[in-house]
Amino acid sequence: MPKWKRFRPGPDDTLVVSLAEEELGLLRSLPAQLTEVFAGADDDPARARLFPRAYLDPTAESEEAEWQALVHPSLLRERLDALELITATLGRAEPVGDWWQIGLTPDEAQAWLGVLNDTRLVLGTRLGVTEEERELDPADPEAGGYALYQWLTWLQGDLVDALL
């Protein structure tokens, strides 16, 4: 019996993804949340994680400002375009049995990778995620955030595996 896969090859070079209704709703909330981070304060650690400094030397502020002025707008535009693309793909979700299915073109799959990665970076920064495993009590106020982080990690890993 073949193993069920969340991401699997579809027609015409597409990748078909199957999502539970709750997962679809969660993914639909990500673009608005990431847009808030993108538009947030420069000193937000999560925003800084998405748009790191080019010059770590504190005496290179003018070089850093020049680099930011030159590069940041295009980096931001790429991320906003990916959010628009993922929003469009989620809008095409069709119910199939107990699941919602979406066919992703190669460009859309890349947008999904970027948005999943950005979301994980933001959430990981907010939660202080490190390489060390952390035991969480389900009553811990951060337990939901860690569960979301783990689910996003798993989803992104499945997508990467499907693209390989």
C-alpha atoms as a PDB file:
ATOM      1  CA  MET A   1       0.000   0.000   0.000  1.00  0.00           C
ATOM      2  CA  PRO A   2       1.555   3.376  -0.993  1.00  0.00           C
ATOM      3  CA  LYS A   3       2.329   5.842   1.764  1.00  0.00           C
ATOM      4  CA  TRP A   4       0.117   8.959   1.850  1.00  0.00           C
ATOM      5  CA  LYS A   5       2.036  12.141   1.088  1.00  0.00           C
ATOM      6  CA  ARG A   6       0.953  15.689   1.878  1.00  0.00           C
ATOM      7  CA  PHE A   7       2.795  16.980  -1.224  1.00  0.00           C
ATOM      8  CA  ARG A   8       2.754  14.839  -4.339  1.00  0.00           C
ATOM      9  CA  PRO A   9       3.318  15.307  -8.076  1.00  0.00           C
ATOM     10  CA  GLY A  10       0.310  16.593  -9.989  1.00  0.00           C
ATOM     11  CA  PRO A  11      -0.440  17.212 -13.651  1.00  0.00           C
ATOM     12  CA  ASP A  12       1.594  19.605 -15.784  1.00  0.00           C
ATOM     13  CA  ASP A  13       4.610  19.913 -13.463  1.00  0.00           C
ATOM     14  CA  THR A  14       2.469  20.921 -10.479  1.00  0.00           C
ATOM     15  CA  LEU A  15       2.759  19.811  -6.896  1.00  0.00           C
ATOM     16  CA  VAL A  16      -0.533  18.955  -5.168  1.00  0.00           C
ATOM     17  CA  VAL A  17      -0.809  19.697  -1.467  1.00  0.00           C
ATOM     18  CA  SER A  18      -3.519  18.313   0.825  1.00  0.00           C
ATOM     19  CA  LEU A  19      -4.460  20.249   3.951  1.00  0.00           C
ATOM     20  CA  ALA A  20      -6.928  19.760   6.766  1.00  0.00           C
ATOM     21  CA  GLU A  21      -9.420  22.610   7.146  1.00  0.00           C
ATOM     22  CA  GLU A  22      -7.661  23.870  10.299  1.00  0.00           C
ATOM     23  CA  GLU A  23      -4.310  23.876   8.511  1.00  0.00           C
ATOM     24  CA  LEU A  24      -5.766  25.817   5.598  1.00  0.00           C
ATOM     25  CA  GLY A  25      -7.168  28.418   7.999  1.00  0.00           C
ATOM     26  CA  LEU A  26      -3.855  28.712   9.784  1.00  0.00           C
ATOM     27  CA  LEU A  27      -1.949  29.184   6.530  1.00  0.00           C
ATOM     28  CA  ARG A  28      -4.445  31.814   5.414  1.00  0.00           C
ATOM     29  CA  SER A  29      -3.604  33.872   8.514  1.00  0.00           C
ATOM     30  CA  LEU A  30       0.148  33.953   7.837  1.00  0.00           C
ATOM     31  CA  PRO A  31       0.322  36.651   5.123  1.00  0.00           C
ATOM     32  CA  ALA A  32      -1.343  39.299   7.308  1.00  0.00           C
ATOM     33  CA  GLN A  33       0.866  38.400  10.264  1.00  0.00           C
ATOM     34  CA  LEU A  34       4.060  38.548   8.197  1.00  0.00           C
ATOM     35  CA  THR A  35       2.998  41.828   6.591  1.00  0.00           C
ATOM     36  CA  GLU A  36       2.755  43.319  10.101  1.00  0.00           C
ATOM     37  CA  VAL A  37       6.315  42.185  10.844  1.00  0.00           C
ATOM     38  CA  PHE A  38       7.583  43.580   7.527  1.00  0.00           C
ATOM     39  CA  ALA A  39       6.000  46.950   8.301  1.00  0.00           C
ATOM     40  CA  GLY A  40       7.139  46.924  11.934  1.00  0.00           C
ATOM     41  CA  ALA A  41       9.865  48.819  13.719  1.00  0.00           C
ATOM     42  CA  ASP A  42      13.468  48.397  12.610  1.00  0.00           C
ATOM     43  CA  ASP A  43      14.445  47.366  16.146  1.00  0.00           C
ATOM     44  CA  ASP A  44      12.015  44.406  16.188  1.00  0.00           C
ATOM     45  CA  PRO A  45      14.267  41.338  16.608  1.00  0.00           C
ATOM     46  CA  ALA A  46      11.986  39.238  14.367  1.00  0.00           C
ATOM     47  CA  ARG A  47      12.111  41.852  11.598  1.00  0.00           C
ATOM     48  CA  ALA A  48      15.879  42.096  12.019  1.00  0.00           C
ATOM     49  CA  ARG A  49      16.074  38.294  11.621  1.00  0.00           C
ATOM     50  CA  LEU A  50      14.292  38.572   8.263  1.00  0.00           C
ATOM     51  CA  PHE A  51      16.330  41.574   7.113  1.00  0.00           C
ATOM     52  CA  PRO A  52      19.747  41.177   8.757  1.00  0.00           C
ATOM     53  CA  ARG A  53      22.408  43.842   8.713  1.00  0.00           C
ATOM     54  CA  ALA A  54      25.043  43.631   5.997  1.00  0.00           C
ATOM     55  CA  TYR A  55      27.657  45.377   8.155  1.00  0.00           C
ATOM     56  CA  LEU A  56      28.105  44.137  11.693  1.00  0.00           C
ATOM     57  CA  ASP A  57      30.798  46.692  12.478  1.00  0.00           C
ATOM     58  CA  PRO A  58      29.101  49.473  14.494  1.00  0.00           C
ATOM     59  CA  THR A  59      31.405  52.041  12.884  1.00  0.00           C
ATOM     60  CA  ALA A  60      29.990  51.199   9.433  1.00  0.00           C
ATOM     61  CA  GLU A  61      26.595  52.848   9.932  1.00  0.00           C
ATOM     62  CA  SER A  62      26.785  54.940   6.753  1.00  0.00           C
ATOM     63  CA  GLU A  63      27.666  51.848   4.700  1.00  0.00           C
ATOM     64  CA  GLU A  64      24.830  49.943   6.362  1.00  0.00           C
ATOM     65  CA  ALA A  65      22.356  52.750   5.625  1.00  0.00           C
ATOM     66  CA  GLU A  66      23.494  52.836   1.988  1.00  0.00           C
ATOM     67  CA  TRP A  67      23.156  49.058   1.670  1.00  0.00           C
ATOM     68  CA  GLN A  68      19.694  49.109   3.276  1.00  0.00           C
ATOM     69  CA  ALA A  69      18.536  51.878   0.924  1.00  0.00           C
ATOM     70  CA  LEU A  70      19.842  49.945  -2.069  1.00  0.00           C
ATOM     71  CA  VAL A  71      18.796  46.375  -1.231  1.00  0.00           C
ATOM     72  CA  HIS A  72      15.948  46.456   1.309  1.00  0.00           C
ATOM     73  CA  PRO A  73      13.198  47.615  -1.092  1.00  0.00           C
ATOM     74  CA  SER A  74      13.790  44.696  -3.464  1.00  0.00           C
ATOM     75  CA  LEU A  75      14.020  42.167  -0.606  1.00  0.00           C
ATOM     76  CA  LEU A  76      10.767  43.495   0.820  1.00  0.00           C
ATOM     77  CA  ARG A  77       9.068  43.423  -2.612  1.00  0.00           C
ATOM     78  CA  GLU A  78      10.111  39.774  -3.113  1.00  0.00           C
ATOM     79  CA  ARG A  79       8.629  38.830   0.249  1.00  0.00           C
ATOM     80  CA  LEU A  80       5.406  40.756  -0.379  1.00  0.00           C
ATOM     81  CA  ASP A  81       5.080  39.125  -3.816  1.00  0.00           C
ATOM     82  CA  ALA A  82       5.470  35.693  -2.178  1.00  0.00           C
ATOM     83  CA  LEU A  83       2.708  36.582   0.299  1.00  0.00           C
ATOM     84  CA  GLU A  84       0.404  37.580  -2.575  1.00  0.00           C
ATOM     85  CA  LEU A  85       1.200  34.334  -4.372  1.00  0.00           C
ATOM     86  CA  ILE A  86       0.523  32.139  -1.339  1.00  0.00           C
ATOM     87  CA  THR A  87      -2.731  34.023  -0.686  1.00  0.00           C
ATOM     88  CA  ALA A  88      -3.812  33.347  -4.280  1.00  0.00           C
ATOM     89  CA  THR A  89      -2.953  29.644  -4.037  1.00  0.00           C
ATOM     90  CA  LEU A  90      -4.828  29.234  -0.746  1.00  0.00           C
ATOM     91  CA  GLY A  91      -7.834  30.863  -2.409  1.00  0.00           C
ATOM     92  CA  ARG A  92      -7.846  28.052  -4.989  1.00  0.00           C
ATOM     93  CA  ALA A  93      -8.175  25.303  -2.369  1.00  0.00           C
ATOM     94  CA  GLU A  94     -10.802  22.742  -3.350  1.00  0.00           C
ATOM     95  CA  PRO A  95     -12.454  20.262  -0.994  1.00  0.00           C
ATOM     96  CA  VAL A  96     -11.675  16.623  -1.777  1.00  0.00           C
ATOM     97  CA  GLY A  97     -13.154  14.304   0.820  1.00  0.00           C
ATOM     98  CA  ASP A  98     -11.909  15.394   4.245  1.00  0.00           C
ATOM     99  CA  TRP A  99      -9.064  17.441   2.749  1.00  0.00           C
ATOM    100  CA  TRP A 100      -8.500  20.672   0.856  1.00  0.00           C
ATOM    101  CA  GLN A 101      -6.267  20.318  -2.197  1.00  0.00           C
ATOM    102  CA  ILE A 102      -4.245  22.923  -4.056  1.00  0.00           C
ATOM    103  CA  GLY A 103      -2.120  22.482  -7.171  1.00  0.00           C
ATOM    104  CA  LEU A 104       1.076  24.525  -6.957  1.00  0.00           C
ATOM    105  CA  THR A 105       3.207  25.604  -9.908  1.00  0.00           C
ATOM    106  CA  PRO A 106       6.984  25.555  -9.370  1.00  0.00           C
ATOM    107  CA  ASP A 107       6.977  29.330  -8.687  1.00  0.00           C
ATOM    108  CA  GLU A 108       4.134  28.963  -6.196  1.00  0.00           C
ATOM    109  CA  ALA A 109       5.926  26.127  -4.406  1.00  0.00           C
ATOM    110  CA  GLN A 110       8.978  28.395  -4.063  1.00  0.00           C
ATOM    111  CA  ALA A 111       6.743  31.142  -2.638  1.00  0.00           C
ATOM    112  CA  TRP A 112       5.391  28.637  -0.111  1.00  0.00           C
ATOM    113  CA  LEU A 113       8.944  27.734   0.908  1.00  0.00           C
ATOM    114  CA  GLY A 114       9.809  31.381   1.445  1.00  0.00           C
ATOM    115  CA  VAL A 115       6.688  32.180   3.452  1.00  0.00           C
ATOM    116  CA  LEU A 116       7.019  29.055   5.598  1.00  0.00           C
ATOM    117  CA  ASN A 117      10.666  29.863   6.252  1.00  0.00           C
ATOM    118  CA  ASP A 118       9.956  33.520   7.082  1.00  0.00           C
ATOM    119  CA  THR A 119       7.157  32.499   9.440  1.00  0.00           C
ATOM    120  CA  ARG A 120       9.417  29.997  11.191  1.00  0.00           C
ATOM    121  CA  LEU A 121      12.156  32.638  11.545  1.00  0.00           C
ATOM    122  CA  VAL A 122       9.734  35.138  13.081  1.00  0.00           C
ATOM    123  CA  LEU A 123       8.143  32.606  15.405  1.00  0.00           C
ATOM    124  CA  GLY A 124      11.498  31.101  16.359  1.00  0.00           C
ATOM    125  CA  THR A 125      12.861  34.548  17.200  1.00  0.00           C
ATOM    126  CA  ARG A 126       9.788  35.454  19.262  1.00  0.00           C
ATOM    127  CA  LEU A 127       9.980  32.143  21.168  1.00  0.00           C
ATOM    128  CA  GLY A 128      13.760  32.157  21.585  1.00  0.00           C
ATOM    129  CA  VAL A 129      14.112  28.806  19.800  1.00  0.00           C
ATOM    130  CA  THR A 130      17.639  27.366  19.947  1.00  0.00           C
ATOM    131  CA  GLU A 131      19.275  24.128  18.823  1.00  0.00           C
ATOM    132  CA  GLU A 132      18.574  22.618  22.246  1.00  0.00           C
ATOM    133  CA  GLU A 133      15.419  20.558  22.703  1.00  0.00           C
ATOM    134  CA  ARG A 134      13.021  22.152  25.137  1.00  0.00           C
ATOM    135  CA  GLU A 135      10.535  20.184  27.206  1.00  0.00           C
ATOM    136  CA  LEU A 136       7.286  22.092  27.418  1.00  0.00           C
ATOM    137  CA  ASP A 137       4.435  21.633  29.797  1.00  0.00           C
ATOM    138  CA  PRO A 138       1.181  21.777  27.798  1.00  0.00           C
ATOM    139  CA  ALA A 139       0.046  24.461  30.279  1.00  0.00           C
ATOM    140  CA  ASP A 140       3.037  26.664  29.345  1.00  0.00           C
ATOM    141  CA  PRO A 141       1.755  29.838  27.629  1.00  0.00           C
ATOM    142  CA  GLU A 142       4.305  29.271  24.833  1.00  0.00           C
ATOM    143  CA  ALA A 143       3.245  25.654  24.172  1.00  0.00           C
ATOM    144  CA  GLY A 144       0.917  26.671  21.320  1.00  0.00           C
ATOM    145  CA  GLY A 145       3.639  28.745  19.690  1.00  0.00           C
ATOM    146  CA  TYR A 146       6.078  25.849  19.890  1.00  0.00           C
ATOM    147  CA  ALA A 147       3.487  23.451  18.459  1.00  0.00           C
ATOM    148  CA  LEU A 148       2.933  25.852  15.559  1.00  0.00           C
ATOM    149  CA  TYR A 149       6.696  26.180  15.046  1.00  0.00           C
ATOM    150  CA  GLN A 150       7.069  22.382  14.942  1.00  0.00           C
ATOM    151  CA  TRP A 151       4.157  22.007  12.512  1.00  0.00           C
ATOM    152  CA  LEU A 152       5.612  24.684  10.198  1.00  0.00           C
ATOM    153  CA  THR A 153       9.002  22.939  10.371  1.00  0.00           C
ATOM    154  CA  TRP A 154       7.395  19.626   9.462  1.00  0.00           C
ATOM    155  CA  LEU A 155       5.338  21.176   6.628  1.00  0.00           C
ATOM    156  CA  GLN A 156       8.389  22.941   5.207  1.00  0.00           C
ATOM    157  CA  GLY A 157      10.409  19.712   5.439  1.00  0.00           C
ATOM    158  CA  ASP A 158       7.706  17.804   3.560  1.00  0.00           C
ATOM    159  CA  LEU A 159       7.694  20.478   0.841  1.00  0.00           C
ATOM    160  CA  VAL A 160      11.480  20.391   0.523  1.00  0.00           C
ATOM    161  CA  ASP A 161      11.401  16.581   0.277  1.00  0.00           C
ATOM    162  CA  ALA A 162       8.743  16.756  -2.444  1.00  0.00           C
ATOM    163  CA  LEU A 163      10.783  19.300  -4.420  1.00  0.00           C
ATOM    164  CA  LEU A 164      13.907  17.141  -4.234  1.00  0.00           C
END
